[in-house]
């Protein structure tokens, strides 16, 4: 018997997470410049990639933006300022 976890590969898990984040209403004043789901996916990426700090993630973001956007299904990867503000 397969478990739920074994049925979902990493891509499927990220899709489920992304869809869940898209259901959360954006209550930031002015709505922010980056979609809330993108900010939340960026926050998840910090923990998923096990970066030691937001600064380390921000450095990675500048070097690997296109790859992070593709892997974490974001139109924009949020930096530390946007993550903190959300």
PDB file of N, CA and C in Angstrom:
ATOM      1  N   UNK A   1       0.840  -1.184   0.000  1.00  0.00           N
ATOM      2  CA  UNK A   1       0.000   0.000   0.000  1.00  0.00           C
ATOM      3  C   UNK A   1       0.883   1.245   0.000  1.00  0.00           C
ATOM      4  N   UNK A   2       0.593   2.154  -0.916  1.00  0.00           N
ATOM      5  CA  UNK A   2       1.375   3.384  -1.012  1.00  0.00           C
ATOM      6  C   UNK A   2       0.887   4.403   0.009  1.00  0.00           C
ATOM      7  N   UNK A   3       1.835   5.139   0.554  1.00  0.00           N
ATOM      8  CA  UNK A   3       1.465   6.234   1.441  1.00  0.00           C
ATOM      9  C   UNK A   3       1.282   7.486   0.600  1.00  0.00           C
ATOM     10  N   UNK A   4       0.627   8.489   1.173  1.00  0.00           N
ATOM     11  CA  UNK A   4       0.426   9.750   0.454  1.00  0.00           C
ATOM     12  C   UNK A   4       1.760  10.363   0.085  1.00  0.00           C
ATOM     13  N   UNK A   5       2.717  10.314   1.006  1.00  0.00           N
ATOM     14  CA  UNK A   5       4.020  10.921   0.753  1.00  0.00           C
ATOM     15  C   UNK A   5       4.714  10.264  -0.434  1.00  0.00           C
ATOM     16  N   UNK A   6       4.600   8.941  -0.541  1.00  0.00           N
ATOM     17  CA  UNK A   6       5.268   8.264  -1.650  1.00  0.00           C
ATOM     18  C   UNK A   6       4.585   8.544  -2.986  1.00  0.00           C
ATOM     19  N   UNK A   7       3.332   8.974  -2.966  1.00  0.00           N
ATOM     20  CA  UNK A   7       2.612   9.285  -4.201  1.00  0.00           C
ATOM     21  C   UNK A   7       2.962  10.668  -4.733  1.00  0.00           C
ATOM     22  N   UNK A   8       3.485  11.516  -3.888  1.00  0.00           N
ATOM     23  CA  UNK A   8       3.789  12.877  -4.309  1.00  0.00           C
ATOM     24  C   UNK A   8       5.298  13.061  -4.431  1.00  0.00           C
ATOM     25  N   UNK A   9       5.763  13.308  -5.637  1.00  0.00           N
ATOM     26  CA  UNK A   9       7.164  13.648  -5.777  1.00  0.00           C
ATOM     27  C   UNK A   9       7.350  15.118  -5.399  1.00  0.00           C
ATOM     28  N   UNK A  10       8.564  15.593  -5.432  1.00  0.00           N
ATOM     29  CA  UNK A  10       8.852  16.966  -4.995  1.00  0.00           C
ATOM     30  C   UNK A  10       8.057  17.992  -5.804  1.00  0.00           C
ATOM     31  N   UNK A  11       7.969  17.801  -7.110  1.00  0.00           N
ATOM     32  CA  UNK A  11       7.217  18.739  -7.948  1.00  0.00           C
ATOM     33  C   UNK A  11       5.748  18.780  -7.542  1.00  0.00           C
ATOM     34  N   UNK A  12       5.167  17.612  -7.293  1.00  0.00           N
ATOM     35  CA  UNK A  12       3.761  17.564  -6.890  1.00  0.00           C
ATOM     36  C   UNK A  12       3.562  18.205  -5.518  1.00  0.00           C
ATOM     37  N   UNK A  13       4.506  17.982  -4.611  1.00  0.00           N
ATOM     38  CA  UNK A  13       4.418  18.602  -3.285  1.00  0.00           C
ATOM     39  C   UNK A  13       4.456  20.122  -3.388  1.00  0.00           C
ATOM     40  N   UNK A  14       5.344  20.640  -4.238  1.00  0.00           N
ATOM     41  CA  UNK A  14       5.445  22.092  -4.408  1.00  0.00           C
ATOM     42  C   UNK A  14       4.182  22.658  -5.069  1.00  0.00           C
ATOM     43  N   UNK A  15       3.584  21.904  -5.980  1.00  0.00           N
ATOM     44  CA  UNK A  15       2.334  22.351  -6.606  1.00  0.00           C
ATOM     45  C   UNK A  15       1.213  22.452  -5.574  1.00  0.00           C
ATOM     46  N   UNK A  16       1.114  21.453  -4.704  1.00  0.00           N
ATOM     47  CA  UNK A  16       0.090  21.467  -3.647  1.00  0.00           C
ATOM     48  C   UNK A  16       0.327  22.649  -2.712  1.00  0.00           C
ATOM     49  N   UNK A  17       1.576  22.861  -2.325  1.00  0.00           N
ATOM     50  CA  UNK A  17       1.910  23.977  -1.439  1.00  0.00           C
ATOM     51  C   UNK A  17       1.576  25.312  -2.094  1.00  0.00           C
ATOM     52  N   UNK A  18       1.942  25.457  -3.361  1.00  0.00           N
ATOM     53  CA  UNK A  18       1.676  26.700  -4.100  1.00  0.00           C
ATOM     54  C   UNK A  18       0.166  26.985  -4.170  1.00  0.00           C
ATOM     55  N   UNK A  19      -0.614  25.968  -4.498  1.00  0.00           N
ATOM     56  CA  UNK A  19      -2.072  26.157  -4.574  1.00  0.00           C
ATOM     57  C   UNK A  19      -2.640  26.560  -3.218  1.00  0.00           C
ATOM     58  N   UNK A  20      -2.117  25.989  -2.150  1.00  0.00           N
ATOM     59  CA  UNK A  20      -2.556  26.377  -0.813  1.00  0.00           C
ATOM     60  C   UNK A  20      -2.210  27.818  -0.504  1.00  0.00           C
ATOM     61  N   UNK A  21      -0.997  28.234  -0.853  1.00  0.00           N
ATOM     62  CA  UNK A  21      -0.577  29.625  -0.623  1.00  0.00           C
ATOM     63  C   UNK A  21      -1.430  30.600  -1.431  1.00  0.00           C
ATOM     64  N   UNK A  22      -1.853  30.201  -2.621  1.00  0.00           N
ATOM     65  CA  UNK A  22      -2.672  31.089  -3.464  1.00  0.00           C
ATOM     66  C   UNK A  22      -4.056  31.330  -2.875  1.00  0.00           C
ATOM     67  N   UNK A  23      -4.496  30.474  -1.959  1.00  0.00           N
ATOM     68  CA  UNK A  23      -5.805  30.641  -1.315  1.00  0.00           C
ATOM     69  C   UNK A  23      -5.776  31.643  -0.162  1.00  0.00           C
ATOM     70  N   UNK A  24      -4.597  31.999   0.313  1.00  0.00           N
ATOM     71  CA  UNK A  24      -4.472  32.925   1.439  1.00  0.00           C
ATOM     72  C   UNK A  24      -4.693  34.350   0.941  1.00  0.00           C
ATOM     73  N   UNK A  25      -5.643  35.076   1.536  1.00  0.00           N
ATOM     74  CA  UNK A  25      -5.884  36.454   1.091  1.00  0.00           C
ATOM     75  C   UNK A  25      -4.706  37.366   1.435  1.00  0.00           C
ATOM     76  N   UNK A  26      -4.401  38.271   0.528  1.00  0.00           N
ATOM     77  CA  UNK A  26      -3.298  39.211   0.732  1.00  0.00           C
ATOM     78  C   UNK A  26      -3.827  40.434   1.474  1.00  0.00           C
ATOM     79  N   UNK A  27      -3.474  40.551   2.725  1.00  0.00           N
ATOM     80  CA  UNK A  27      -3.956  41.665   3.545  1.00  0.00           C
ATOM     81  C   UNK A  27      -2.890  42.727   3.779  1.00  0.00           C
ATOM     82  N   UNK A  28      -1.819  42.664   2.997  1.00  0.00           N
ATOM     83  CA  UNK A  28      -0.783  43.689   3.125  1.00  0.00           C
ATOM     84  C   UNK A  28      -1.320  45.011   2.601  1.00  0.00           C
ATOM     85  N   UNK A  29      -0.918  46.090   3.231  1.00  0.00           N
ATOM     86  CA  UNK A  29      -1.330  47.418   2.748  1.00  0.00           C
ATOM     87  C   UNK A  29      -0.728  47.651   1.378  1.00  0.00           C
ATOM     88  N   UNK A  30      -1.564  47.994   0.433  1.00  0.00           N
ATOM     89  CA  UNK A  30      -1.094  48.229  -0.926  1.00  0.00           C
ATOM     90  C   UNK A  30      -0.857  46.941  -1.705  1.00  0.00           C
ATOM     91  N   UNK A  31      -1.029  45.792  -1.060  1.00  0.00           N
ATOM     92  CA  UNK A  31      -0.887  44.518  -1.745  1.00  0.00           C
ATOM     93  C   UNK A  31       0.538  44.066  -2.000  1.00  0.00           C
ATOM     94  N   UNK A  32       1.521  44.929  -1.801  1.00  0.00           N
ATOM     95  CA  UNK A  32       2.905  44.554  -2.057  1.00  0.00           C
ATOM     96  C   UNK A  32       3.223  44.533  -3.537  1.00  0.00           C
ATOM     97  N   UNK A  33       4.495  44.479  -3.859  1.00  0.00           N
ATOM     98  CA  UNK A  33       4.916  44.483  -5.262  1.00  0.00           C
ATOM     99  C   UNK A  33       5.103  43.068  -5.798  1.00  0.00           C
ATOM    100  N   UNK A  34       5.175  42.103  -4.897  1.00  0.00           N
ATOM    101  CA  UNK A  34       5.323  40.698  -5.278  1.00  0.00           C
ATOM    102  C   UNK A  34       4.100  39.961  -4.761  1.00  0.00           C
ATOM    103  N   UNK A  35       3.532  39.068  -5.571  1.00  0.00           N
ATOM    104  CA  UNK A  35       2.372  38.293  -5.138  1.00  0.00           C
ATOM    105  C   UNK A  35       2.668  37.587  -3.824  1.00  0.00           C
ATOM    106  N   UNK A  36       1.676  37.550  -2.928  1.00  0.00           N
ATOM    107  CA  UNK A  36       1.853  36.923  -1.619  1.00  0.00           C
ATOM    108  C   UNK A  36       2.277  35.458  -1.763  1.00  0.00           C
ATOM    109  N   UNK A  37       1.702  34.737  -2.700  1.00  0.00           N
ATOM    110  CA  UNK A  37       2.082  33.331  -2.893  1.00  0.00           C
ATOM    111  C   UNK A  37       3.559  33.207  -3.251  1.00  0.00           C
ATOM    112  N   UNK A  38       4.102  34.160  -4.036  1.00  0.00           N
ATOM    113  CA  UNK A  38       5.524  34.144  -4.367  1.00  0.00           C
ATOM    114  C   UNK A  38       6.372  34.405  -3.129  1.00  0.00           C
ATOM    115  N   UNK A  39       5.933  35.328  -2.282  1.00  0.00           N
ATOM    116  CA  UNK A  39       6.666  35.623  -1.045  1.00  0.00           C
ATOM    117  C   UNK A  39       6.675  34.391  -0.141  1.00  0.00           C
ATOM    118  N   UNK A  40       5.516  33.737  -0.012  1.00  0.00           N
ATOM    119  CA  UNK A  40       5.426  32.558   0.842  1.00  0.00           C
ATOM    120  C   UNK A  40       6.249  31.396   0.280  1.00  0.00           C
ATOM    121  N   UNK A  41       6.257  31.232  -1.024  1.00  0.00           N
ATOM    122  CA  UNK A  41       7.092  30.189  -1.634  1.00  0.00           C
ATOM    123  C   UNK A  41       8.573  30.500  -1.425  1.00  0.00           C
ATOM    124  N   UNK A  42       8.934  31.772  -1.475  1.00  0.00           N
ATOM    125  CA  UNK A  42      10.325  32.162  -1.214  1.00  0.00           C
ATOM    126  C   UNK A  42      10.695  31.860   0.232  1.00  0.00           C
ATOM    127  N   UNK A  43       9.779  32.142   1.149  1.00  0.00           N
ATOM    128  CA  UNK A  43      10.015  31.807   2.552  1.00  0.00           C
ATOM    129  C   UNK A  43      10.187  30.318   2.751  1.00  0.00           C
ATOM    130  N   UNK A  44       9.365  29.529   2.057  1.00  0.00           N
ATOM    131  CA  UNK A  44       9.504  28.079   2.120  1.00  0.00           C
ATOM    132  C   UNK A  44      10.862  27.658   1.562  1.00  0.00           C
ATOM    133  N   UNK A  45      11.295  28.285   0.472  1.00  0.00           N
ATOM    134  CA  UNK A  45      12.573  27.941  -0.162  1.00  0.00           C
ATOM    135  C   UNK A  45      13.739  28.141   0.802  1.00  0.00           C
ATOM    136  N   UNK A  46      13.678  29.178   1.645  1.00  0.00           N
ATOM    137  CA  UNK A  46      14.746  29.424   2.624  1.00  0.00           C
ATOM    138  C   UNK A  46      14.940  28.181   3.494  1.00  0.00           C
ATOM    139  N   UNK A  47      13.821  27.615   3.965  1.00  0.00           N
ATOM    140  CA  UNK A  47      13.901  26.446   4.836  1.00  0.00           C
ATOM    141  C   UNK A  47      14.202  25.172   4.050  1.00  0.00           C
ATOM    142  N   UNK A  48      13.621  25.056   2.864  1.00  0.00           N
ATOM    143  CA  UNK A  48      13.824  23.867   2.054  1.00  0.00           C
ATOM    144  C   UNK A  48      15.279  23.741   1.615  1.00  0.00           C
ATOM    145  N   UNK A  49      15.902  24.858   1.291  1.00  0.00           N
ATOM    146  CA  UNK A  49      17.297  24.862   0.852  1.00  0.00           C
ATOM    147  C   UNK A  49      18.278  24.868   2.024  1.00  0.00           C
ATOM    148  N   UNK A  50      17.744  25.041   3.228  1.00  0.00           N
ATOM    149  CA  UNK A  50      18.542  25.038   4.463  1.00  0.00           C
ATOM    150  C   UNK A  50      19.616  26.127   4.477  1.00  0.00           C
ATOM    151  N   UNK A  51      19.247  27.290   3.910  1.00  0.00           N
ATOM    152  CA  UNK A  51      20.163  28.420   3.999  1.00  0.00           C
ATOM    153  C   UNK A  51      20.280  28.844   5.457  1.00  0.00           C
ATOM    154  N   UNK A  52      21.468  29.207   5.911  1.00  0.00           N
ATOM    155  CA  UNK A  52      21.659  29.537   7.323  1.00  0.00           C
ATOM    156  C   UNK A  52      21.038  30.869   7.746  1.00  0.00           C
ATOM    157  N   UNK A  53      20.701  31.709   6.772  1.00  0.00           N
ATOM    158  CA  UNK A  53      20.119  33.012   7.101  1.00  0.00           C
ATOM    159  C   UNK A  53      19.386  33.558   5.887  1.00  0.00           C
ATOM    160  N   UNK A  54      18.581  34.600   6.136  1.00  0.00           N
ATOM    161  CA  UNK A  54      17.917  35.275   5.019  1.00  0.00           C
ATOM    162  C   UNK A  54      18.943  35.945   4.112  1.00  0.00           C
ATOM    163  N   UNK A  55      20.042  36.427   4.703  1.00  0.00           N
ATOM    164  CA  UNK A  55      21.087  37.054   3.901  1.00  0.00           C
ATOM    165  C   UNK A  55      21.719  36.039   2.947  1.00  0.00           C
ATOM    166  N   UNK A  56      21.968  34.827   3.426  1.00  0.00           N
ATOM    167  CA  UNK A  56      22.528  33.786   2.568  1.00  0.00           C
ATOM    168  C   UNK A  56      21.547  33.444   1.442  1.00  0.00           C
ATOM    169  N   UNK A  57      20.261  33.381   1.766  1.00  0.00           N
ATOM    170  CA  UNK A  57      19.254  33.122   0.736  1.00  0.00           C
ATOM    171  C   UNK A  57      19.221  34.262  -0.269  1.00  0.00           C
ATOM    172  N   UNK A  58      19.326  35.505   0.218  1.00  0.00           N
ATOM    173  CA  UNK A  58      19.307  36.660  -0.680  1.00  0.00           C
ATOM    174  C   UNK A  58      20.496  36.608  -1.643  1.00  0.00           C
ATOM    175  N   UNK A  59      21.669  36.197  -1.148  1.00  0.00           N
ATOM    176  CA  UNK A  59      22.840  36.046  -2.023  1.00  0.00           C
ATOM    177  C   UNK A  59      22.577  34.975  -3.079  1.00  0.00           C
ATOM    178  N   UNK A  60      21.984  33.859  -2.659  1.00  0.00           N
ATOM    179  CA  UNK A  60      21.659  32.785  -3.598  1.00  0.00           C
ATOM    180  C   UNK A  60      20.639  33.276  -4.626  1.00  0.00           C
ATOM    181  N   UNK A  61      19.693  34.084  -4.163  1.00  0.00           N
ATOM    182  CA  UNK A  61      18.634  34.595  -5.038  1.00  0.00           C
ATOM    183  C   UNK A  61      19.235  35.377  -6.203  1.00  0.00           C
ATOM    184  N   UNK A  62      20.254  36.168  -5.944  1.00  0.00           N
ATOM    185  CA  UNK A  62      20.877  36.944  -7.013  1.00  0.00           C
ATOM    186  C   UNK A  62      21.621  36.044  -7.994  1.00  0.00           C
ATOM    187  N   UNK A  63      22.200  34.967  -7.498  1.00  0.00           N
ATOM    188  CA  UNK A  63      22.977  34.078  -8.366  1.00  0.00           C
ATOM    189  C   UNK A  63      22.111  33.073  -9.123  1.00  0.00           C
ATOM    190  N   UNK A  64      21.010  32.652  -8.503  1.00  0.00           N
ATOM    191  CA  UNK A  64      20.226  31.565  -9.065  1.00  0.00           C
ATOM    192  C   UNK A  64      18.752  31.917  -9.254  1.00  0.00           C
ATOM    193  N   UNK A  65      18.438  33.156  -9.547  1.00  0.00           N
ATOM    194  CA  UNK A  65      17.038  33.604  -9.604  1.00  0.00           C
ATOM    195  C   UNK A  65      16.194  32.781 -10.568  1.00  0.00           C
ATOM    196  N   UNK A  66      16.671  32.570 -11.775  1.00  0.00           N
ATOM    197  CA  UNK A  66      15.868  31.844 -12.774  1.00  0.00           C
ATOM    198  C   UNK A  66      15.602  30.408 -12.318  1.00  0.00           C
ATOM    199  N   UNK A  67      16.599  29.766 -11.744  1.00  0.00           N
ATOM    200  CA  UNK A  67      16.424  28.392 -11.270  1.00  0.00           C
ATOM    201  C   UNK A  67      15.455  28.347 -10.091  1.00  0.00           C
ATOM    202  N   UNK A  68      15.581  29.282  -9.153  1.00  0.00           N
ATOM    203  CA  UNK A  68      14.670  29.327  -8.007  1.00  0.00           C
ATOM    204  C   UNK A  68      13.236  29.587  -8.454  1.00  0.00           C
ATOM    205  N   UNK A  69      13.060  30.469  -9.415  1.00  0.00           N
ATOM    206  CA  UNK A  69      11.718  30.760  -9.928  1.00  0.00           C
ATOM    207  C   UNK A  69      11.103  29.516 -10.556  1.00  0.00           C
ATOM    208  N   UNK A  70      11.904  28.766 -11.292  1.00  0.00           N
ATOM    209  CA  UNK A  70      11.399  27.560 -11.945  1.00  0.00           C
ATOM    210  C   UNK A  70      11.070  26.480 -10.916  1.00  0.00           C
ATOM    211  N   UNK A  71      11.987  26.215 -10.008  1.00  0.00           N
ATOM    212  CA  UNK A  71      11.794  25.140  -9.028  1.00  0.00           C
ATOM    213  C   UNK A  71      10.632  25.445  -8.085  1.00  0.00           C
ATOM    214  N   UNK A  72      10.560  26.689  -7.590  1.00  0.00           N
ATOM    215  CA  UNK A  72       9.551  27.041  -6.594  1.00  0.00           C
ATOM    216  C   UNK A  72       8.321  27.717  -7.209  1.00  0.00           C
ATOM    217  N   UNK A  73       8.210  27.665  -8.526  1.00  0.00           N
ATOM    218  CA  UNK A  73       7.019  28.124  -9.257  1.00  0.00           C
ATOM    219  C   UNK A  73       6.608  29.548  -8.907  1.00  0.00           C
ATOM    220  N   UNK A  74       7.583  30.424  -8.927  1.00  0.00           N
ATOM    221  CA  UNK A  74       7.330  31.827  -8.591  1.00  0.00           C
ATOM    222  C   UNK A  74       7.622  32.689  -9.804  1.00  0.00           C
ATOM    223  N   UNK A  75       6.817  33.730  -9.966  1.00  0.00           N
ATOM    224  CA  UNK A  75       7.111  34.667 -11.043  1.00  0.00           C
ATOM    225  C   UNK A  75       8.259  35.584 -10.631  1.00  0.00           C
ATOM    226  N   UNK A  76       8.444  35.728  -9.330  1.00  0.00           N
ATOM    227  CA  UNK A  76       9.546  36.508  -8.765  1.00  0.00           C
ATOM    228  C   UNK A  76       9.924  35.895  -7.432  1.00  0.00           C
ATOM    229  N   UNK A  77      11.213  35.744  -7.182  1.00  0.00           N
ATOM    230  CA  UNK A  77      11.657  35.252  -5.883  1.00  0.00           C
ATOM    231  C   UNK A  77      11.847  36.453  -4.974  1.00  0.00           C
ATOM    232  N   UNK A  78      11.186  36.408  -3.829  1.00  0.00           N
ATOM    233  CA  UNK A  78      11.239  37.534  -2.881  1.00  0.00           C
ATOM    234  C   UNK A  78      12.567  37.533  -2.141  1.00  0.00           C
ATOM    235  N   UNK A  79      13.069  38.720  -1.890  1.00  0.00           N
ATOM    236  CA  UNK A  79      14.278  38.878  -1.101  1.00  0.00           C
ATOM    237  C   UNK A  79      13.947  38.970   0.376  1.00  0.00           C
ATOM    238  N   UNK A  80      14.975  39.154   1.184  1.00  0.00           N
ATOM    239  CA  UNK A  80      14.756  39.180   2.638  1.00  0.00           C
ATOM    240  C   UNK A  80      13.831  40.305   3.074  1.00  0.00           C
ATOM    241  N   UNK A  81      13.899  41.449   2.419  1.00  0.00           N
ATOM    242  CA  UNK A  81      13.034  42.570   2.794  1.00  0.00           C
ATOM    243  C   UNK A  81      11.564  42.239   2.566  1.00  0.00           C
ATOM    244  N   UNK A  82      11.250  41.656   1.414  1.00  0.00           N
ATOM    245  CA  UNK A  82       9.867  41.296   1.119  1.00  0.00           C
ATOM    246  C   UNK A  82       9.356  40.178   2.020  1.00  0.00           C
ATOM    247  N   UNK A  83      10.231  39.215   2.323  1.00  0.00           N
ATOM    248  CA  UNK A  83       9.828  38.122   3.202  1.00  0.00           C
ATOM    249  C   UNK A  83       9.522  38.653   4.598  1.00  0.00           C
ATOM    250  N   UNK A  84      10.362  39.536   5.104  1.00  0.00           N
ATOM    251  CA  UNK A  84      10.143  40.115   6.435  1.00  0.00           C
ATOM    252  C   UNK A  84       8.878  40.964   6.483  1.00  0.00           C
ATOM    253  N   UNK A  85       8.602  41.693   5.391  1.00  0.00           N
ATOM    254  CA  UNK A  85       7.454  42.591   5.357  1.00  0.00           C
ATOM    255  C   UNK A  85       6.126  41.836   5.285  1.00  0.00           C
ATOM    256  N   UNK A  86       6.146  40.639   4.719  1.00  0.00           N
ATOM    257  CA  UNK A  86       4.912  39.862   4.588  1.00  0.00           C
ATOM    258  C   UNK A  86       4.592  39.246   5.908  1.00  0.00           C
TER     259      UNK A  86
END
